[in-house]
């Protein structure tokens, strides 16, 4: 009876080659993507005498898309060509630490040429959302309005899908993130009730309907649920000259409107050093909800692509984007039902970083440090942009805080055992049309480290040598402290080794920071209909890091 063995890529090796990695394993490829694209080995008891290289090539299952969600690990095995399998086996036996940049035989170039990899990840993510009960749709912030009613309401009401906008404060089950604007509402089509784990029957029915015979057709739980509950009505079919797309199984009936929301996430690494440049990037998406009757075409010019410094862009399958130049593209799409992501993009931060400044932490002794913040909020940002809240957190996952002293020039401070949180903006106060400069000096004291006992006085000898060799007392303290710090899992990417940092969290509404926007007056609907067009924008922080200016900080090498 064969058994499955993991080839130390996704858990033990984290995809990176370490001392424990064995030749031929996933981690031997030395690429972090092997945490998500893994292989399994089928081991047979009677194959012990077989040549190891032939055995590995015959009994490997690869590629397997691994997606972890809640308490579950979802594995999807896509179909690949034999030559692609042989290329991967070659990579697993290279003696060097990964291929050179631009080389033909590399894991990234190999995976990019396999289209089934993308499909496998889409299936894995759809399954993960269903079994965890986390079927959240893209957020579309709209004005509060009464029910649209109509046929779609009656179709979706029986299965728990809402086709109308609900205020945030309404006591109903909603998939909307709590960060939506309080003066608006979030339109959502969410087939789950609450956040409980869904049963096996729902997943089984979804698999049978969404991917019959193993081929994914429609991975939308909303569409699948509606079709299974209601089927198709002959009265709901479009005119003969119009072809109904697969992503719109039902036609909408009711009050018409068109909603757009730009949602951007800002990631930043701020060093405050001459030798390391700061890095700020924006990941954005245009969310849409089209409550339009029939099968209309919607079009609008997407201007400002050059000023937004777009680095990458992708569109929903319903969109057609003819090439009209880098600064102006006319997007034409036939929208599906419910909320969907019309476009995703990577861009630069055209208005500059929303939070500038530095963070410094100096250890004056092994258990005591002095820190200083100096930040500038919304510098160069003008109305209608408004920062609703801003918080800076200074975490210490390996040390316990026993004493803290410090008073900021603005905001309040909250401390826990392992962190100090500076709430600069919050509690109903927002920042609009002006900037804010704030400072925060203070001291912090930790509980003493629990030192490990060493044999034959090794500790005293090494400590004495350190005092003689290290000229800078602060460097000596840091070395001595790090020697006794417990290890941190690689799942804590910003807490590895001796890195000190502060993480910034904020939310901005009113406009995008990449300068991407939609002119509602230039949106056209064909056939022409009197439908109001609404637009909103919000910006939130992602991994927005202020690295300790006086400490160690990781940075990407310049190409």
Protein backbone atom coordinates (compact mmCIF):
# COMPACT_ATOMS: atom_id res chain seq x y z
CA UNK A 1 0.00 0.00 0.00
CA UNK A 2 1.67 3.28 -1.06
CA UNK A 3 1.95 6.16 1.40
CA UNK A 4 2.34 9.89 0.82
CA UNK A 5 5.31 11.83 2.09
CA UNK A 6 5.86 15.56 1.82
CA UNK A 7 9.18 16.57 0.31
CA UNK A 8 10.11 19.24 2.92
CA UNK A 9 8.98 22.30 0.98
CA UNK A 10 5.87 23.81 2.49
CA UNK A 11 6.37 23.29 6.23
CA UNK A 12 9.86 22.27 7.31
CA UNK A 13 11.85 24.12 4.66
CA UNK A 14 9.48 27.05 4.00
CA UNK A 15 10.61 26.79 0.38
CA UNK A 16 14.10 28.05 1.27
CA UNK A 17 17.11 25.73 1.24
CA UNK A 18 18.39 25.15 4.77
CA UNK A 19 20.88 22.80 6.38
CA UNK A 20 18.17 20.16 6.85
CA UNK A 21 17.12 20.20 3.18
CA UNK A 22 17.83 17.07 1.18
CA UNK A 23 18.80 16.92 -2.46
CA UNK A 24 15.74 16.32 -4.63
CA UNK A 25 13.30 17.94 -2.18
CA UNK A 26 11.08 20.96 -2.82
CA UNK A 27 13.14 23.25 -0.60
CA UNK A 28 16.29 22.28 -2.52
CA UNK A 29 14.94 24.40 -5.40
CA UNK A 30 15.41 27.33 -2.99
CA UNK A 31 12.34 29.31 -4.02
CA UNK A 32 9.64 30.58 -1.60
CA UNK A 33 6.93 29.66 -4.10
CA UNK A 34 7.46 26.00 -3.16
CA UNK A 35 5.48 26.80 -0.02
CA UNK A 36 2.43 27.06 -2.29
CA UNK A 37 3.36 24.71 -5.15
CA UNK A 38 4.48 21.52 -3.43
CA UNK A 39 5.07 17.90 -4.39
CA UNK A 40 4.25 14.64 -2.67
CA UNK A 41 6.21 11.40 -2.92
CA UNK A 42 4.49 8.03 -3.27
CA UNK A 43 6.71 5.59 -1.38
CA UNK A 44 6.48 1.83 -1.93
CA UNK A 45 7.97 -0.70 0.51
CA UNK A 46 9.14 -3.00 -2.28
CA UNK A 47 10.96 -0.21 -4.14
CA UNK A 48 13.84 0.04 -1.68
CA UNK A 49 16.37 -1.49 -4.09
CA UNK A 50 15.44 0.76 -6.98
CA UNK A 51 17.74 3.58 -8.06
CA UNK A 52 16.88 6.68 -6.02
CA UNK A 53 16.78 9.11 -8.97
CA UNK A 54 14.47 6.87 -11.05
CA UNK A 55 12.31 6.21 -8.02
CA UNK A 56 11.83 9.92 -7.27
CA UNK A 57 10.95 10.77 -10.85
CA UNK A 58 8.40 7.94 -11.09
CA UNK A 59 6.66 8.45 -7.75
CA UNK A 60 6.40 12.25 -7.44
CA UNK A 61 3.03 14.01 -7.58
CA UNK A 62 3.71 17.56 -8.85
CA UNK A 63 2.55 20.31 -9.06
CA UNK A 64 0.13 20.43 -6.14
CA UNK A 65 -1.41 23.80 -5.31
CA UNK A 66 -1.53 24.18 -1.51
CA UNK A 67 -3.91 26.70 0.06
CA UNK A 68 -4.39 26.97 3.84
CA UNK A 69 -7.62 28.49 5.14
CA UNK A 70 -8.92 28.35 8.71
CA UNK A 71 -8.17 24.84 9.99
CA UNK A 72 -7.99 23.28 6.54
CA UNK A 73 -5.29 22.61 3.95
CA UNK A 74 -6.70 22.40 0.42
CA UNK A 75 -4.67 20.47 -2.16
CA UNK A 76 -5.44 20.71 -5.89
CA UNK A 77 -3.55 18.62 -8.47
CA UNK A 78 -3.60 20.29 -11.93
CA UNK A 79 -2.75 18.42 -15.13
CA UNK A 80 0.68 19.20 -16.64
CA UNK A 81 2.76 17.87 -19.52
CA UNK A 82 5.44 15.18 -18.88
CA UNK A 83 8.22 17.51 -20.10
CA UNK A 84 7.23 20.08 -17.47
CA UNK A 85 7.47 17.40 -14.81
CA UNK A 86 10.96 16.46 -16.03
CA UNK A 87 12.06 20.11 -15.92
CA UNK A 88 10.99 20.33 -12.28
CA UNK A 89 12.90 17.15 -11.37
CA UNK A 90 16.03 18.74 -12.91
CA UNK A 91 15.55 21.84 -10.76
CA UNK A 92 15.32 19.66 -7.65
CA UNK A 93 18.80 18.27 -8.34
CA UNK A 94 20.74 21.45 -9.06
CA UNK A 95 23.77 21.98 -6.88
CA UNK A 96 23.56 25.78 -7.04
CA UNK A 97 21.20 27.81 -4.86
CA UNK A 98 18.54 28.55 -7.44
CA UNK A 99 18.93 29.56 -11.11
CA UNK A 100 20.35 32.86 -12.27
CA UNK A 101 18.06 35.77 -13.14
CA UNK A 102 16.85 35.49 -16.74
CA UNK A 103 17.81 31.84 -17.09
CA UNK A 104 15.36 29.73 -19.07
CA UNK A 105 15.13 26.85 -16.62
CA UNK A 106 13.78 28.51 -13.48
CA UNK A 107 10.79 27.67 -11.32
CA UNK A 108 9.02 30.98 -11.93
CA UNK A 109 9.33 30.78 -15.73
CA UNK A 110 8.26 27.14 -15.65
CA UNK A 111 5.11 27.85 -13.61
CA UNK A 112 4.16 30.92 -15.65
CA UNK A 113 3.93 28.75 -18.77
CA UNK A 114 1.51 26.30 -17.11
CA UNK A 115 -2.00 27.73 -17.34
CA UNK A 116 -3.52 25.00 -15.16
CA UNK A 117 -1.58 26.38 -12.15
CA UNK A 118 -3.74 29.52 -12.13
CA UNK A 119 -6.92 27.47 -12.41
CA UNK A 120 -5.82 25.22 -9.54
CA UNK A 121 -5.29 28.22 -7.25
CA UNK A 122 -8.70 29.66 -8.17
CA UNK A 123 -10.33 26.34 -7.29
CA UNK A 124 -8.38 26.07 -4.02
CA UNK A 125 -9.34 29.60 -2.93
CA UNK A 126 -13.01 29.00 -3.82
CA UNK A 127 -13.03 25.80 -1.74
CA UNK A 128 -11.26 27.54 1.15
CA UNK A 129 -13.82 30.34 1.26
CA UNK A 130 -16.71 27.87 1.28
CA UNK A 131 -15.44 25.51 3.98
CA UNK A 132 -14.42 28.41 6.23
CA UNK A 133 -17.66 30.33 5.66
CA UNK A 134 -15.67 33.31 4.40
CA UNK A 135 -17.36 34.02 1.07
CA UNK A 136 -16.79 37.77 1.16
CA UNK A 137 -17.46 39.72 -2.01
CA UNK A 138 -15.68 42.94 -3.07
CA UNK A 139 -16.80 45.97 -1.11
CA UNK A 140 -18.82 48.62 -2.93
CA UNK A 141 -19.61 51.69 -0.82
CA UNK A 142 -22.89 53.34 -1.82
CA UNK A 143 -25.45 55.76 -0.52
CA UNK A 144 -28.22 54.32 1.64
CA UNK A 145 -31.31 53.69 -0.46
CA UNK A 146 -34.48 51.60 -0.29
CA UNK A 147 -34.76 48.14 -1.76
CA UNK A 148 -34.47 47.79 -5.51
CA UNK A 149 -37.04 44.99 -5.48
CA UNK A 150 -37.77 43.15 -8.67
CA UNK A 151 -37.19 39.65 -9.97
CA UNK A 152 -33.64 39.29 -8.69
CA UNK A 153 -34.78 40.03 -5.13
CA UNK A 154 -37.32 37.23 -5.32
CA UNK A 155 -34.80 34.84 -6.85
CA UNK A 156 -32.02 35.46 -4.36
CA UNK A 157 -34.06 36.05 -1.23
CA UNK A 158 -34.83 32.36 -0.80
CA UNK A 159 -31.12 31.43 -0.65
CA UNK A 160 -29.92 34.27 1.54
CA UNK A 161 -28.43 36.52 -1.15
CA UNK A 162 -29.13 40.21 -0.75
CA UNK A 163 -29.35 42.38 -3.86
CA UNK A 164 -29.81 45.60 -1.95
CA UNK A 165 -27.48 47.89 -0.05
CA UNK A 166 -27.58 47.59 3.73
CA UNK A 167 -26.43 50.25 6.17
CA UNK A 168 -23.40 49.23 8.22
CA UNK A 169 -25.27 49.67 11.48
CA UNK A 170 -28.17 47.45 10.44
CA UNK A 171 -28.44 44.30 12.61
CA UNK A 172 -28.16 41.82 9.74
CA UNK A 173 -25.63 39.19 8.71
CA UNK A 174 -23.32 40.80 6.18
CA UNK A 175 -20.05 39.99 4.51
CA UNK A 176 -19.07 43.66 4.47
CA UNK A 177 -15.81 44.58 6.19
CA UNK A 178 -16.28 46.71 9.27
CA UNK A 179 -14.09 49.38 7.75
CA UNK A 180 -16.74 50.63 5.32
CA UNK A 181 -17.70 54.27 5.51
CA UNK A 182 -20.18 54.94 8.30
CA UNK A 183 -22.17 57.41 6.24
CA UNK A 184 -22.81 54.92 3.47
CA UNK A 185 -23.69 51.30 2.90
CA UNK A 186 -22.08 48.25 1.41
CA UNK A 187 -23.80 46.30 -1.33
CA UNK A 188 -23.19 42.59 -1.02
CA UNK A 189 -24.33 39.24 -2.40
CA UNK A 190 -23.31 36.81 0.34
CA UNK A 191 -24.71 33.28 0.33
CA UNK A 192 -23.48 32.42 3.82
CA UNK A 193 -25.25 33.23 7.05
CA UNK A 194 -22.87 34.46 9.70
CA UNK A 195 -19.27 33.25 9.97
CA UNK A 196 -19.94 29.61 10.89
CA UNK A 197 -18.30 26.80 8.99
CA UNK A 198 -20.52 25.54 6.17
CA UNK A 199 -21.48 21.86 5.84
CA UNK A 200 -20.07 19.23 3.54
CA UNK A 201 -23.22 19.03 1.40
CA UNK A 202 -22.77 22.61 0.22
CA UNK A 203 -19.17 21.93 -0.82
CA UNK A 204 -20.16 18.66 -2.52
CA UNK A 205 -22.97 20.34 -4.46
CA UNK A 206 -20.69 23.23 -5.40
CA UNK A 207 -18.04 20.87 -6.79
CA UNK A 208 -20.62 18.93 -8.80
CA UNK A 209 -22.11 22.09 -10.32
CA UNK A 210 -19.10 24.40 -10.62
CA UNK A 211 -16.62 21.88 -12.04
CA UNK A 212 -18.35 18.82 -13.54
CA UNK A 213 -15.86 16.11 -14.54
CA UNK A 214 -13.08 18.17 -12.97
CA UNK A 215 -13.21 21.17 -15.32
CA UNK A 216 -14.02 24.50 -13.60
CA UNK A 217 -16.89 26.29 -15.34
CA UNK A 218 -18.11 28.91 -12.84
CA UNK A 219 -16.52 29.34 -9.40
CA UNK A 220 -19.06 31.93 -8.21
CA UNK A 221 -20.95 30.53 -5.22
CA UNK A 222 -23.69 33.13 -5.72
CA UNK A 223 -24.36 32.00 -9.30
CA UNK A 224 -24.18 28.29 -8.47
CA UNK A 225 -26.50 28.63 -5.46
CA UNK A 226 -29.04 30.68 -7.41
CA UNK A 227 -29.06 28.25 -10.33
CA UNK A 228 -29.52 25.20 -8.08
CA UNK A 229 -32.30 26.89 -6.10
CA UNK A 230 -34.27 28.41 -8.97
CA UNK A 231 -33.11 26.94 -12.27
CA UNK A 232 -33.71 29.06 -15.37
CA UNK A 233 -36.94 30.69 -16.44
CA UNK A 234 -37.91 31.04 -20.11
CA UNK A 235 -39.34 34.47 -19.31
CA UNK A 236 -35.90 35.53 -18.11
CA UNK A 237 -34.11 34.88 -21.41
CA UNK A 238 -32.73 37.86 -23.36
CA UNK A 239 -33.65 38.90 -26.89
CA UNK A 240 -32.56 36.48 -29.62
CA UNK A 241 -29.90 38.79 -31.05
CA UNK A 242 -28.19 39.08 -27.63
CA UNK A 243 -25.94 36.36 -26.26
CA UNK A 244 -26.20 35.87 -22.51
CA UNK A 245 -22.72 35.48 -20.94
CA UNK A 246 -21.91 32.68 -18.50
CA UNK A 247 -21.14 35.13 -15.70
CA UNK A 248 -24.72 36.48 -15.77
CA UNK A 249 -27.13 33.52 -15.41
CA UNK A 250 -30.06 35.80 -14.45
CA UNK A 251 -31.23 39.14 -15.76
CA UNK A 252 -31.82 41.98 -13.33
CA UNK A 253 -35.22 43.63 -12.86
CA UNK A 254 -35.80 46.72 -10.73
CA UNK A 255 -34.45 50.19 -10.03
CA UNK A 256 -31.29 50.77 -12.04
CA UNK A 257 -27.98 52.25 -10.91
CA UNK A 258 -24.24 51.80 -11.47
CA UNK A 259 -21.72 51.87 -8.61
CA UNK A 260 -17.91 52.11 -8.68
CA UNK A 261 -15.48 51.96 -5.75
CA UNK A 262 -11.69 52.29 -5.98
CA UNK A 263 -10.05 50.46 -3.07
CA UNK A 264 -6.28 50.87 -2.70
CA UNK A 265 -3.84 49.32 -0.24
CA UNK A 266 -0.56 51.13 0.45
CA UNK A 267 2.52 49.08 1.33
CA UNK A 268 5.66 50.88 2.46
CA UNK A 269 9.11 50.29 3.92
CA UNK A 270 10.47 53.52 5.47
CA UNK A 271 14.15 53.42 6.47
CA UNK A 272 15.19 57.07 7.01
CA UNK A 273 18.68 56.18 5.78
CA UNK A 274 20.81 57.63 3.01
CA UNK A 275 22.07 54.24 1.83
CA UNK A 276 18.61 52.59 1.63
CA UNK A 277 15.82 54.31 -0.34
CA UNK A 278 12.27 54.22 1.02
CA UNK A 279 9.83 52.06 -0.91
CA UNK A 280 6.11 52.84 -1.32
CA UNK A 281 3.75 50.89 -3.59
CA UNK A 282 -0.01 50.78 -4.15
CA UNK A 283 -2.16 47.72 -4.87
CA UNK A 284 -5.55 48.84 -6.13
CA UNK A 285 -8.77 47.50 -7.57
CA UNK A 286 -11.92 48.95 -9.09
CA UNK A 287 -14.98 47.27 -7.59
CA UNK A 288 -18.26 47.54 -9.43
CA UNK A 289 -21.95 46.76 -8.98
CA UNK A 290 -24.21 47.19 -12.00
CA UNK A 291 -27.93 47.01 -11.25
CA UNK A 292 -28.96 47.32 -14.90
CA UNK A 293 -31.78 45.59 -16.78
CA UNK A 294 -31.06 43.46 -19.82
CA UNK A 295 -27.55 42.94 -21.19
CA UNK A 296 -26.19 46.47 -21.60
CA UNK A 297 -22.63 47.45 -22.45
CA UNK A 298 -20.96 49.92 -20.08
CA UNK A 299 -18.00 52.01 -21.20
CA UNK A 300 -15.85 54.75 -19.73
CA UNK A 301 -12.40 56.21 -20.43
CA UNK A 302 -9.78 55.31 -17.85
CA UNK A 303 -7.58 58.40 -17.87
CA UNK A 304 -4.45 59.16 -15.86
CA UNK A 305 -2.63 55.85 -16.38
CA UNK A 306 0.70 57.60 -16.97
CA UNK A 307 0.41 59.88 -13.92
CA UNK A 308 -0.55 56.89 -11.78
CA UNK A 309 2.68 55.06 -12.78
CA UNK A 310 0.87 51.77 -13.43
CA UNK A 311 3.26 48.82 -13.14
CA UNK A 312 0.77 45.96 -13.74
CA UNK A 313 -2.89 45.75 -14.65
CA UNK A 314 -5.51 43.00 -15.16
CA UNK A 315 -9.24 42.96 -15.96
CA UNK A 316 -12.35 40.85 -15.28
CA UNK A 317 -13.22 38.45 -18.14
CA UNK A 318 -16.29 40.57 -18.94
CA UNK A 319 -14.11 43.56 -19.94
CA UNK A 320 -12.77 44.49 -23.37
CA UNK A 321 -9.83 46.88 -23.37
CA UNK A 322 -8.68 48.06 -26.82
CA UNK A 323 -5.24 49.65 -26.89
CA UNK A 324 -5.69 53.44 -27.07
CA UNK A 325 -2.36 54.57 -25.69
CA UNK A 326 -0.74 54.49 -22.29
CA UNK A 327 -2.52 57.58 -20.97
CA UNK A 328 -6.06 56.76 -22.03
CA UNK A 329 -7.89 53.47 -22.36
CA UNK A 330 -11.57 53.02 -23.05
CA UNK A 331 -12.96 50.10 -21.04
CA UNK A 332 -16.07 48.34 -22.34
CA UNK A 333 -17.69 45.62 -20.25
CA UNK A 334 -20.92 43.67 -19.90
CA UNK A 335 -21.31 43.51 -16.12
CA UNK A 336 -22.32 40.39 -14.18
CA UNK A 337 -24.74 40.41 -11.26
CA UNK A 338 -23.62 41.44 -7.78
CA UNK A 339 -20.31 42.93 -6.68
CA UNK A 340 -17.25 42.10 -8.77
CA UNK A 341 -13.69 43.34 -9.32
CA UNK A 342 -13.54 45.05 -12.70
CA UNK A 343 -9.81 45.80 -12.63
CA UNK A 344 -6.72 45.19 -10.47
CA UNK A 345 -3.50 47.16 -10.71
CA UNK A 346 -0.13 47.88 -9.12
CA UNK A 347 0.93 51.51 -9.11
CA UNK A 348 3.17 54.09 -7.51
CA UNK A 349 1.96 56.47 -4.82
CA UNK A 350 1.48 59.60 -6.92
CA UNK A 351 0.74 61.85 -3.93
CA UNK A 352 3.66 60.63 -1.84
CA UNK A 353 3.47 58.51 1.32
CA UNK A 354 0.43 59.34 3.48
CA UNK A 355 2.57 58.90 6.62
CA UNK A 356 6.18 60.13 6.54
CA UNK A 357 8.65 60.03 9.37
CA UNK A 358 11.04 57.87 11.32
CA UNK A 359 11.20 55.56 14.32
CA UNK A 360 14.31 55.17 16.48
CA UNK A 361 14.91 52.67 19.27
CA UNK A 362 18.18 52.60 21.22
CA UNK A 363 18.89 49.97 23.90
CA UNK A 364 20.52 51.75 26.85
CA UNK A 365 20.79 48.46 28.73
CA UNK A 366 19.85 44.84 28.18
CA UNK A 367 16.33 45.39 29.48
CA UNK A 368 15.69 49.08 28.85
CA UNK A 369 15.41 51.18 25.71
CA UNK A 370 14.67 54.75 24.63
CA UNK A 371 12.57 55.44 21.53
CA UNK A 372 11.52 58.43 19.41
CA UNK A 373 8.85 58.86 16.76
CA UNK A 374 8.51 61.81 14.42
CA UNK A 375 5.75 61.55 11.80
CA UNK A 376 4.04 63.81 9.29
CA UNK A 377 0.48 62.87 8.25
CA UNK A 378 -1.19 63.80 4.94
CA UNK A 379 1.59 66.10 3.73
CA UNK A 380 0.56 67.41 0.29
CA UNK A 381 -2.92 65.85 0.50
CA UNK A 382 -5.88 68.12 -0.11
CA UNK A 383 -9.67 67.94 0.26
CA UNK A 384 -11.78 65.88 -0.45
CA UNK A 385 -9.22 63.39 0.88
CA UNK A 386 -9.65 62.71 4.59
CA UNK A 387 -7.74 60.42 6.97
CA UNK A 388 -10.28 58.77 9.28
CA UNK A 389 -7.81 57.09 11.65
CA UNK A 390 -4.08 56.48 12.07
CA UNK A 391 -2.38 54.13 14.54
CA UNK A 392 1.29 53.19 14.96
CA UNK A 393 2.11 49.95 16.78
CA UNK A 394 5.55 49.06 18.16
CA UNK A 395 5.57 45.25 18.74
CA UNK A 396 7.99 43.22 20.88
CA UNK A 397 6.94 39.58 20.32
CA UNK A 398 9.97 38.16 22.18
CA UNK A 399 10.07 40.54 25.16
CA UNK A 400 7.52 41.32 27.89
CA UNK A 401 6.96 45.00 28.73
CA UNK A 402 6.98 45.78 32.46
CA UNK A 403 7.24 49.59 32.42
CA UNK A 404 6.61 52.38 29.95
CA UNK A 405 6.97 56.16 30.06
CA UNK A 406 6.21 58.69 27.33
CA UNK A 407 3.72 61.35 26.22
CA UNK A 408 3.00 62.03 22.52
CA UNK A 409 2.33 65.50 21.15
CA UNK A 410 -0.97 64.22 19.68
CA UNK A 411 -3.20 61.24 20.29
CA UNK A 412 -3.28 58.59 23.02
CA UNK A 413 -1.17 55.55 23.98
CA UNK A 414 -2.24 51.99 24.81
CA UNK A 415 0.22 49.35 26.06
CA UNK A 416 0.00 45.56 26.26
CA UNK A 417 2.49 42.93 27.41
CA UNK A 418 4.18 42.83 24.01
CA UNK A 419 3.36 46.11 22.24
CA UNK A 420 2.94 49.88 22.48
CA UNK A 421 0.12 51.38 20.38
CA UNK A 422 0.05 55.09 19.51
CA UNK A 423 -3.39 56.20 18.33
CA UNK A 424 -2.72 59.48 16.55
CA UNK A 425 -6.17 59.83 14.98
CA UNK A 426 -9.39 58.14 16.02
CA UNK A 427 -12.50 58.38 18.15
CA UNK A 428 -14.38 60.41 15.55
CA UNK A 429 -11.52 62.82 14.80
CA UNK A 430 -10.39 62.98 11.15
CA UNK A 431 -7.78 64.94 9.21
CA UNK A 432 -8.91 66.72 6.04
CA UNK A 433 -7.47 69.57 4.00
CA UNK A 434 -4.37 69.93 6.20
CA UNK A 435 -1.39 67.99 7.49
CA UNK A 436 -0.36 67.01 11.01
CA UNK A 437 3.12 66.68 12.50
CA UNK A 438 3.48 64.69 15.71
CA UNK A 439 6.32 63.44 17.92
CA UNK A 440 6.45 60.72 20.57
CA UNK A 441 9.53 60.26 22.79
CA UNK A 442 9.63 57.71 25.58
CA UNK A 443 11.37 54.90 27.42
CA UNK A 444 10.45 51.25 27.74
CA UNK A 445 11.57 48.54 30.15
CA UNK A 446 11.40 44.78 29.61
CA UNK A 447 11.42 41.86 32.01
CA UNK A 448 14.88 40.22 32.34
CA UNK A 449 15.70 37.46 29.89
CA UNK A 450 15.69 33.89 31.18
CA UNK A 451 19.25 32.82 30.39
CA UNK A 452 20.18 29.27 29.56
CA UNK A 453 22.79 27.66 31.82
CA UNK A 454 26.08 26.88 30.09
CA UNK A 455 28.58 24.17 30.93
CA UNK A 456 32.20 24.78 32.13
CA UNK A 457 31.83 28.54 32.28
CA UNK A 458 31.41 29.02 28.52
CA UNK A 459 29.06 31.92 29.15
CA UNK A 460 31.58 33.89 31.19
CA UNK A 461 34.40 33.32 28.72
CA UNK A 462 32.37 34.32 25.65
CA UNK A 463 31.02 37.35 27.49
CA UNK A 464 34.50 38.49 28.41
CA UNK A 465 35.71 38.13 24.85
CA UNK A 466 32.75 40.16 23.63
CA UNK A 467 33.56 43.09 25.92
CA UNK A 468 37.15 43.24 24.66
CA UNK A 469 36.33 42.93 20.94
CA UNK A 470 33.28 45.22 20.73
CA UNK A 471 34.13 48.90 20.87
CA UNK A 472 30.54 50.18 20.77
CA UNK A 473 28.78 49.37 24.05
CA UNK A 474 25.36 49.45 22.38
CA UNK A 475 26.47 46.87 19.77
CA UNK A 476 27.69 44.65 22.57
CA UNK A 477 24.36 44.90 24.39
CA UNK A 478 22.45 44.03 21.22
CA UNK A 479 24.71 41.03 20.52
CA UNK A 480 24.40 39.79 24.09
CA UNK A 481 20.63 40.23 24.09
CA UNK A 482 20.07 38.53 20.73
CA UNK A 483 22.16 35.55 21.83
CA UNK A 484 19.56 34.67 24.45
CA UNK A 485 16.39 35.65 22.57
CA UNK A 486 14.07 32.78 21.71
CA UNK A 487 13.62 31.94 18.04
CA UNK A 488 10.78 33.51 16.06
CA UNK A 489 8.89 31.58 13.42
CA UNK A 490 9.38 32.67 9.81
CA UNK A 491 5.63 33.28 9.76
CA UNK A 492 6.50 36.54 11.62
CA UNK A 493 8.33 38.14 8.69
CA UNK A 494 9.09 41.43 10.43
CA UNK A 495 10.21 39.92 13.74
CA UNK A 496 13.01 37.72 12.50
CA UNK A 497 16.41 37.96 14.22
CA UNK A 498 17.15 41.44 15.59
CA UNK A 499 14.78 43.53 13.48
CA UNK A 500 12.93 46.37 15.24
CA UNK A 501 10.03 48.07 13.52
CA UNK A 502 6.76 49.96 13.93
CA UNK A 503 3.68 49.21 11.86
CA UNK A 504 1.36 51.98 10.65
CA UNK A 505 -2.39 51.48 10.15
CA UNK A 506 -4.66 54.09 8.56
CA UNK A 507 -7.69 54.69 6.38
CA UNK A 508 -8.22 57.50 3.86
CA UNK A 509 -11.48 58.26 2.02
CA UNK A 510 -12.43 60.71 -0.72
CA UNK A 511 -9.94 59.83 -3.49
CA UNK A 512 -7.15 57.42 -4.40
CA UNK A 513 -3.46 58.01 -3.64
CA UNK A 514 -2.40 56.77 -7.10
CA UNK A 515 -4.54 59.49 -8.78
CA UNK A 516 -6.70 56.85 -10.46
CA UNK A 517 -10.30 58.04 -10.76
CA UNK A 518 -13.53 57.62 -12.72
CA UNK A 519 -15.47 60.56 -14.11
CA UNK A 520 -19.11 59.59 -13.60
CA UNK A 521 -20.18 62.01 -16.35
CA UNK A 522 -18.11 60.12 -18.94
CA UNK A 523 -19.68 56.71 -18.18
CA UNK A 524 -21.89 55.54 -21.08
CA UNK A 525 -24.50 52.77 -21.02
CA UNK A 526 -25.78 51.19 -24.25
CA UNK A 527 -28.70 50.84 -24.84
CA UNK A 528 -29.12 54.25 -23.24
CA UNK A 529 -30.89 54.30 -19.91
CA UNK A 530 -31.38 56.84 -17.15
CA UNK A 531 -29.30 55.20 -14.44
CA UNK A 532 -27.45 57.18 -11.76
CA UNK A 533 -23.70 56.51 -11.57
CA UNK A 534 -22.01 56.72 -8.16
CA UNK A 535 -18.29 56.70 -7.38
CA UNK A 536 -16.34 56.39 -4.12
CA UNK A 537 -12.74 55.74 -3.13
CA UNK A 538 -10.97 54.53 -0.02
CA UNK A 539 -7.34 53.80 0.84
CA UNK A 540 -6.12 51.51 3.62
CA UNK A 541 -2.68 50.53 4.85
CA UNK A 542 -1.16 47.14 4.16
CA UNK A 543 2.35 46.31 5.39
CA UNK A 544 3.31 49.91 6.16
CA UNK A 545 6.56 49.58 8.11
CA UNK A 546 8.79 52.15 9.83
CA UNK A 547 12.11 50.37 10.37
CA UNK A 548 14.26 51.30 13.35
CA UNK A 549 16.78 53.82 12.02
CA UNK A 550 19.34 52.73 14.63
CA UNK A 551 18.88 48.97 14.17
CA UNK A 552 19.11 46.27 11.54
CA UNK A 553 16.65 46.38 8.64
CA UNK A 554 16.17 44.05 5.65
CA UNK A 555 16.12 45.60 2.19
CA UNK A 556 15.99 44.39 -1.39
CA UNK A 557 19.23 44.56 -3.35
CA UNK A 558 19.18 46.99 -6.26
CA UNK A 559 19.28 45.34 -9.70
